[in-house]
């Protein structure tokens, strides 16, 4: 069975973004790797940033589906955090560190808009998690939802912070450190791996 050309382009880009930065992986390379013409590329995408948005939206949809399954169950907060970390790790490991750093740098308008949209859409999901955490007393009851969101925003900012990127250039290690410090603090947990 012949692969859809759009799928071939996406798979090619996904593979190249796993090796190279967004700037380094050109439309020409993506097309060559997919064995399609540039005309075919532009039939589906206006530019490579639109392609990145398509790929990231697809990955986000998959993560959201897994997250929704967890929310619907009686899963403990720590297990939810572990799933989020696993999903983020899978995401980070799928791409080169340079690619990850670029998409979170704020340098690409189309990607920024997509990330902001995903963040806004996740607010309702987070509220249902927050309510359950308060009800089950898994987090401090004095923590308001606005503060909870603010802390999550700080995690994103910390992950993208230039100094933190300099200290932890490997995206997966940086994510692990930021998540661990945010959710568990500086003290080592007894069950810590």
C-alpha atoms as a PDB file:
ATOM      1  CA  UNK A   1       0.000   0.000   0.000  1.00  0.00           C
ATOM      2  CA  UNK A   2       1.372   3.427  -0.998  1.00  0.00           C
ATOM      3  CA  UNK A   3       1.827   5.952   1.748  1.00  0.00           C
ATOM      4  CA  UNK A   4      -0.043   9.205   1.583  1.00  0.00           C
ATOM      5  CA  UNK A   5       2.404  11.943   0.480  1.00  0.00           C
ATOM      6  CA  UNK A   6       1.422  14.191   3.370  1.00  0.00           C
ATOM      7  CA  UNK A   7       2.217  11.366   5.789  1.00  0.00           C
ATOM      8  CA  UNK A   8       5.573  10.802   4.073  1.00  0.00           C
ATOM      9  CA  UNK A   9       6.395  14.499   4.516  1.00  0.00           C
ATOM     10  CA  UNK A  10       5.437  14.403   8.204  1.00  0.00           C
ATOM     11  CA  UNK A  11       7.453  11.224   8.839  1.00  0.00           C
ATOM     12  CA  UNK A  12      10.440  12.707   7.044  1.00  0.00           C
ATOM     13  CA  UNK A  13      10.266  15.924   9.059  1.00  0.00           C
ATOM     14  CA  UNK A  14       9.815  13.994  12.295  1.00  0.00           C
ATOM     15  CA  UNK A  15      12.939  11.984  11.491  1.00  0.00           C
ATOM     16  CA  UNK A  16      14.995  15.060  10.548  1.00  0.00           C
ATOM     17  CA  UNK A  17      13.825  17.044  13.581  1.00  0.00           C
ATOM     18  CA  UNK A  18      15.063  14.133  15.660  1.00  0.00           C
ATOM     19  CA  UNK A  19      18.563  14.820  14.346  1.00  0.00           C
ATOM     20  CA  UNK A  20      18.701  18.519  13.499  1.00  0.00           C
ATOM     21  CA  UNK A  21      17.465  21.891  14.623  1.00  0.00           C
ATOM     22  CA  UNK A  22      14.390  23.454  13.080  1.00  0.00           C
ATOM     23  CA  UNK A  23      16.568  25.962  11.248  1.00  0.00           C
ATOM     24  CA  UNK A  24      18.924  23.300   9.891  1.00  0.00           C
ATOM     25  CA  UNK A  25      16.232  20.924   8.578  1.00  0.00           C
ATOM     26  CA  UNK A  26      15.244  22.613   5.327  1.00  0.00           C
ATOM     27  CA  UNK A  27      12.162  22.047   3.192  1.00  0.00           C
ATOM     28  CA  UNK A  28      14.521  20.656   0.530  1.00  0.00           C
ATOM     29  CA  UNK A  29      15.933  18.072   2.950  1.00  0.00           C
ATOM     30  CA  UNK A  30      12.478  17.115   4.187  1.00  0.00           C
ATOM     31  CA  UNK A  31      11.303  16.610   0.590  1.00  0.00           C
ATOM     32  CA  UNK A  32      14.427  14.677  -0.406  1.00  0.00           C
ATOM     33  CA  UNK A  33      14.087  12.406   2.628  1.00  0.00           C
ATOM     34  CA  UNK A  34      10.358  11.880   1.872  1.00  0.00           C
ATOM     35  CA  UNK A  35      11.032  11.351  -1.825  1.00  0.00           C
ATOM     36  CA  UNK A  36       8.518  14.038  -2.821  1.00  0.00           C
ATOM     37  CA  UNK A  37       8.859  17.286  -4.738  1.00  0.00           C
ATOM     38  CA  UNK A  38       8.862  20.738  -3.159  1.00  0.00           C
ATOM     39  CA  UNK A  39       5.643  21.386  -5.078  1.00  0.00           C
ATOM     40  CA  UNK A  40       4.057  18.464  -3.269  1.00  0.00           C
ATOM     41  CA  UNK A  41       5.277  19.881   0.056  1.00  0.00           C
ATOM     42  CA  UNK A  42       3.716  23.273  -0.688  1.00  0.00           C
ATOM     43  CA  UNK A  43       0.475  21.596  -1.704  1.00  0.00           C
ATOM     44  CA  UNK A  44       0.069  20.611   1.980  1.00  0.00           C
ATOM     45  CA  UNK A  45       2.026  23.261   3.900  1.00  0.00           C
ATOM     46  CA  UNK A  46       2.829  26.939   3.388  1.00  0.00           C
ATOM     47  CA  UNK A  47       6.183  26.512   5.138  1.00  0.00           C
ATOM     48  CA  UNK A  48       8.030  24.179   7.491  1.00  0.00           C
ATOM     49  CA  UNK A  49       6.648  25.997  10.540  1.00  0.00           C
ATOM     50  CA  UNK A  50       3.134  25.016   9.524  1.00  0.00           C
ATOM     51  CA  UNK A  51       4.402  21.429   9.224  1.00  0.00           C
ATOM     52  CA  UNK A  52       5.869  21.640  12.735  1.00  0.00           C
ATOM     53  CA  UNK A  53       2.530  22.894  14.065  1.00  0.00           C
ATOM     54  CA  UNK A  54       0.789  19.946  12.390  1.00  0.00           C
ATOM     55  CA  UNK A  55       3.242  17.447  13.917  1.00  0.00           C
ATOM     56  CA  UNK A  56       3.078  19.026  17.378  1.00  0.00           C
ATOM     57  CA  UNK A  57      -0.726  19.172  17.310  1.00  0.00           C
ATOM     58  CA  UNK A  58      -0.845  15.484  16.446  1.00  0.00           C
ATOM     59  CA  UNK A  59       1.494  14.638  19.331  1.00  0.00           C
ATOM     60  CA  UNK A  60      -0.492  16.873  21.675  1.00  0.00           C
ATOM     61  CA  UNK A  61      -3.777  15.195  20.706  1.00  0.00           C
ATOM     62  CA  UNK A  62      -2.297  11.819  21.601  1.00  0.00           C
ATOM     63  CA  UNK A  63      -1.080  13.104  24.976  1.00  0.00           C
ATOM     64  CA  UNK A  64      -4.425  14.782  25.705  1.00  0.00           C
ATOM     65  CA  UNK A  65      -6.242  11.505  25.043  1.00  0.00           C
ATOM     66  CA  UNK A  66      -4.001   9.667  27.521  1.00  0.00           C
ATOM     67  CA  UNK A  67      -4.420  12.485  30.039  1.00  0.00           C
ATOM     68  CA  UNK A  68      -8.213  12.385  29.686  1.00  0.00           C
ATOM     69  CA  UNK A  69      -8.206   8.644  30.362  1.00  0.00           C
ATOM     70  CA  UNK A  70      -6.290   9.272  33.589  1.00  0.00           C
ATOM     71  CA  UNK A  71      -8.573  12.076  34.686  1.00  0.00           C
ATOM     72  CA  UNK A  72     -11.545   9.779  34.240  1.00  0.00           C
ATOM     73  CA  UNK A  73      -9.991   7.179  36.535  1.00  0.00           C
ATOM     74  CA  UNK A  74      -9.125   7.303  40.221  1.00  0.00           C
ATOM     75  CA  UNK A  75      -5.428   7.709  39.510  1.00  0.00           C
ATOM     76  CA  UNK A  76      -3.343   9.334  42.248  1.00  0.00           C
ATOM     77  CA  UNK A  77      -1.682  12.692  41.605  1.00  0.00           C
ATOM     78  CA  UNK A  78       1.816  11.200  41.688  1.00  0.00           C
ATOM     79  CA  UNK A  79       0.838   8.700  38.980  1.00  0.00           C
ATOM     80  CA  UNK A  80      -0.608  11.539  36.889  1.00  0.00           C
ATOM     81  CA  UNK A  81       2.662  13.456  37.295  1.00  0.00           C
ATOM     82  CA  UNK A  82       4.619  10.347  36.321  1.00  0.00           C
ATOM     83  CA  UNK A  83       2.489   9.977  33.183  1.00  0.00           C
ATOM     84  CA  UNK A  84       2.961  13.637  32.327  1.00  0.00           C
ATOM     85  CA  UNK A  85       6.701  13.211  32.797  1.00  0.00           C
ATOM     86  CA  UNK A  86       6.703  10.047  30.644  1.00  0.00           C
ATOM     87  CA  UNK A  87       4.772  11.834  27.889  1.00  0.00           C
ATOM     88  CA  UNK A  88       7.073  14.845  28.060  1.00  0.00           C
ATOM     89  CA  UNK A  89      10.106  12.530  27.999  1.00  0.00           C
ATOM     90  CA  UNK A  90       8.745  10.741  24.953  1.00  0.00           C
ATOM     91  CA  UNK A  91       8.193  14.100  23.296  1.00  0.00           C
ATOM     92  CA  UNK A  92      11.653  15.404  24.179  1.00  0.00           C
ATOM     93  CA  UNK A  93      13.350  12.172  23.097  1.00  0.00           C
ATOM     94  CA  UNK A  94      11.599  12.324  19.716  1.00  0.00           C
ATOM     95  CA  UNK A  95      13.411  15.501  18.735  1.00  0.00           C
ATOM     96  CA  UNK A  96      16.902  16.945  18.870  1.00  0.00           C
ATOM     97  CA  UNK A  97      17.752  19.163  21.815  1.00  0.00           C
ATOM     98  CA  UNK A  98      18.295  22.061  19.408  1.00  0.00           C
ATOM     99  CA  UNK A  99      14.824  21.548  17.927  1.00  0.00           C
ATOM    100  CA  UNK A 100      13.209  21.485  21.397  1.00  0.00           C
ATOM    101  CA  UNK A 101      15.085  24.603  22.471  1.00  0.00           C
ATOM    102  CA  UNK A 102      14.044  26.405  19.274  1.00  0.00           C
ATOM    103  CA  UNK A 103      10.330  25.656  19.518  1.00  0.00           C
ATOM    104  CA  UNK A 104      10.236  26.919  23.111  1.00  0.00           C
ATOM    105  CA  UNK A 105      12.433  29.945  22.382  1.00  0.00           C
ATOM    106  CA  UNK A 106       9.528  32.112  21.265  1.00  0.00           C
ATOM    107  CA  UNK A 107      11.204  32.841  17.917  1.00  0.00           C
ATOM    108  CA  UNK A 108       8.563  31.328  15.628  1.00  0.00           C
ATOM    109  CA  UNK A 109       5.156  33.024  15.535  1.00  0.00           C
ATOM    110  CA  UNK A 110       3.114  30.081  14.188  1.00  0.00           C
ATOM    111  CA  UNK A 111       4.598  27.728  16.781  1.00  0.00           C
ATOM    112  CA  UNK A 112       4.070  30.267  19.582  1.00  0.00           C
ATOM    113  CA  UNK A 113       0.401  30.633  18.637  1.00  0.00           C
ATOM    114  CA  UNK A 114      -0.016  26.837  18.671  1.00  0.00           C
ATOM    115  CA  UNK A 115       1.688  26.493  22.064  1.00  0.00           C
ATOM    116  CA  UNK A 116      -0.489  29.284  23.503  1.00  0.00           C
ATOM    117  CA  UNK A 117      -3.622  27.620  22.111  1.00  0.00           C
ATOM    118  CA  UNK A 118      -2.674  24.259  23.623  1.00  0.00           C
ATOM    119  CA  UNK A 119      -1.969  25.963  26.943  1.00  0.00           C
ATOM    120  CA  UNK A 120      -5.346  27.722  26.931  1.00  0.00           C
ATOM    121  CA  UNK A 121      -7.204  24.535  25.993  1.00  0.00           C
ATOM    122  CA  UNK A 122      -5.559  22.591  28.776  1.00  0.00           C
ATOM    123  CA  UNK A 123      -6.833  25.010  31.433  1.00  0.00           C
ATOM    124  CA  UNK A 124     -10.208  23.246  31.750  1.00  0.00           C
ATOM    125  CA  UNK A 125      -8.534  19.867  32.025  1.00  0.00           C
ATOM    126  CA  UNK A 126      -6.213  21.194  34.689  1.00  0.00           C
ATOM    127  CA  UNK A 127      -9.147  22.602  36.641  1.00  0.00           C
ATOM    128  CA  UNK A 128     -10.774  19.186  36.880  1.00  0.00           C
ATOM    129  CA  UNK A 129      -7.455  17.723  38.063  1.00  0.00           C
ATOM    130  CA  UNK A 130      -7.048  20.570  40.548  1.00  0.00           C
ATOM    131  CA  UNK A 131     -10.545  20.045  41.981  1.00  0.00           C
ATOM    132  CA  UNK A 132      -9.906  16.345  42.420  1.00  0.00           C
ATOM    133  CA  UNK A 133      -6.551  17.002  44.096  1.00  0.00           C
ATOM    134  CA  UNK A 134      -8.109  19.428  46.562  1.00  0.00           C
ATOM    135  CA  UNK A 135     -11.002  17.039  47.259  1.00  0.00           C
ATOM    136  CA  UNK A 136      -8.683  14.077  47.801  1.00  0.00           C
ATOM    137  CA  UNK A 137      -6.315  16.249  49.885  1.00  0.00           C
ATOM    138  CA  UNK A 138      -3.361  15.330  47.671  1.00  0.00           C
ATOM    139  CA  UNK A 139      -2.325  18.998  47.526  1.00  0.00           C
ATOM    140  CA  UNK A 140      -2.635  21.758  50.104  1.00  0.00           C
ATOM    141  CA  UNK A 141      -6.156  23.162  50.262  1.00  0.00           C
ATOM    142  CA  UNK A 142      -4.816  26.719  50.535  1.00  0.00           C
ATOM    143  CA  UNK A 143      -3.453  26.493  46.984  1.00  0.00           C
ATOM    144  CA  UNK A 144      -5.872  28.383  44.728  1.00  0.00           C
ATOM    145  CA  UNK A 145      -6.424  27.374  41.120  1.00  0.00           C
ATOM    146  CA  UNK A 146      -4.874  30.641  39.919  1.00  0.00           C
ATOM    147  CA  UNK A 147      -1.757  29.916  41.982  1.00  0.00           C
ATOM    148  CA  UNK A 148      -1.701  26.330  40.657  1.00  0.00           C
ATOM    149  CA  UNK A 149      -1.800  27.703  37.075  1.00  0.00           C
ATOM    150  CA  UNK A 150       0.819  30.298  37.922  1.00  0.00           C
ATOM    151  CA  UNK A 151       3.136  27.583  39.217  1.00  0.00           C
ATOM    152  CA  UNK A 152       2.639  25.534  36.043  1.00  0.00           C
ATOM    153  CA  UNK A 153       3.427  28.642  34.010  1.00  0.00           C
ATOM    154  CA  UNK A 154       6.598  29.085  36.064  1.00  0.00           C
ATOM    155  CA  UNK A 155       7.601  25.503  35.242  1.00  0.00           C
ATOM    156  CA  UNK A 156       7.321  26.337  31.533  1.00  0.00           C
ATOM    157  CA  UNK A 157       9.291  29.555  31.990  1.00  0.00           C
ATOM    158  CA  UNK A 158      11.933  27.804  34.070  1.00  0.00           C
ATOM    159  CA  UNK A 159      12.307  25.077  31.442  1.00  0.00           C
ATOM    160  CA  UNK A 160      12.867  27.728  28.731  1.00  0.00           C
ATOM    161  CA  UNK A 161      14.983  30.081  30.848  1.00  0.00           C
ATOM    162  CA  UNK A 162      18.360  30.812  29.179  1.00  0.00           C
ATOM    163  CA  UNK A 163      20.317  30.204  32.379  1.00  0.00           C
ATOM    164  CA  UNK A 164      18.561  26.872  32.999  1.00  0.00           C
ATOM    165  CA  UNK A 165      19.176  25.884  29.365  1.00  0.00           C
ATOM    166  CA  UNK A 166      22.864  26.744  29.847  1.00  0.00           C
ATOM    167  CA  UNK A 167      23.038  24.692  33.042  1.00  0.00           C
ATOM    168  CA  UNK A 168      21.079  21.753  31.582  1.00  0.00           C
ATOM    169  CA  UNK A 169      21.524  21.818  27.791  1.00  0.00           C
ATOM    170  CA  UNK A 170      20.130  18.278  27.453  1.00  0.00           C
ATOM    171  CA  UNK A 171      16.363  18.813  27.111  1.00  0.00           C
ATOM    172  CA  UNK A 172      15.380  15.546  28.815  1.00  0.00           C
ATOM    173  CA  UNK A 173      17.595  16.111  31.854  1.00  0.00           C
ATOM    174  CA  UNK A 174      16.428  19.738  32.091  1.00  0.00           C
ATOM    175  CA  UNK A 175      12.790  18.614  31.994  1.00  0.00           C
ATOM    176  CA  UNK A 176      13.379  15.971  34.665  1.00  0.00           C
ATOM    177  CA  UNK A 177      15.107  18.459  36.988  1.00  0.00           C
ATOM    178  CA  UNK A 178      12.466  21.160  36.515  1.00  0.00           C
ATOM    179  CA  UNK A 179       9.594  18.688  37.040  1.00  0.00           C
ATOM    180  CA  UNK A 180      11.187  17.088  40.093  1.00  0.00           C
ATOM    181  CA  UNK A 181      11.898  20.439  41.742  1.00  0.00           C
ATOM    182  CA  UNK A 182       8.452  21.782  40.927  1.00  0.00           C
ATOM    183  CA  UNK A 183       6.458  18.782  42.106  1.00  0.00           C
ATOM    184  CA  UNK A 184       8.650  17.483  44.925  1.00  0.00           C
ATOM    185  CA  UNK A 185      10.946  20.345  45.921  1.00  0.00           C
ATOM    186  CA  UNK A 186      14.670  20.162  46.486  1.00  0.00           C
ATOM    187  CA  UNK A 187      14.587  17.319  48.988  1.00  0.00           C
ATOM    188  CA  UNK A 188      15.112  13.821  47.675  1.00  0.00           C
ATOM    189  CA  UNK A 189      12.084  11.559  48.017  1.00  0.00           C
ATOM    190  CA  UNK A 190      12.613   8.189  49.702  1.00  0.00           C
ATOM    191  CA  UNK A 191      11.080   6.417  46.694  1.00  0.00           C
ATOM    192  CA  UNK A 192      13.132   8.551  44.259  1.00  0.00           C
ATOM    193  CA  UNK A 193      14.758   6.578  41.478  1.00  0.00           C
END
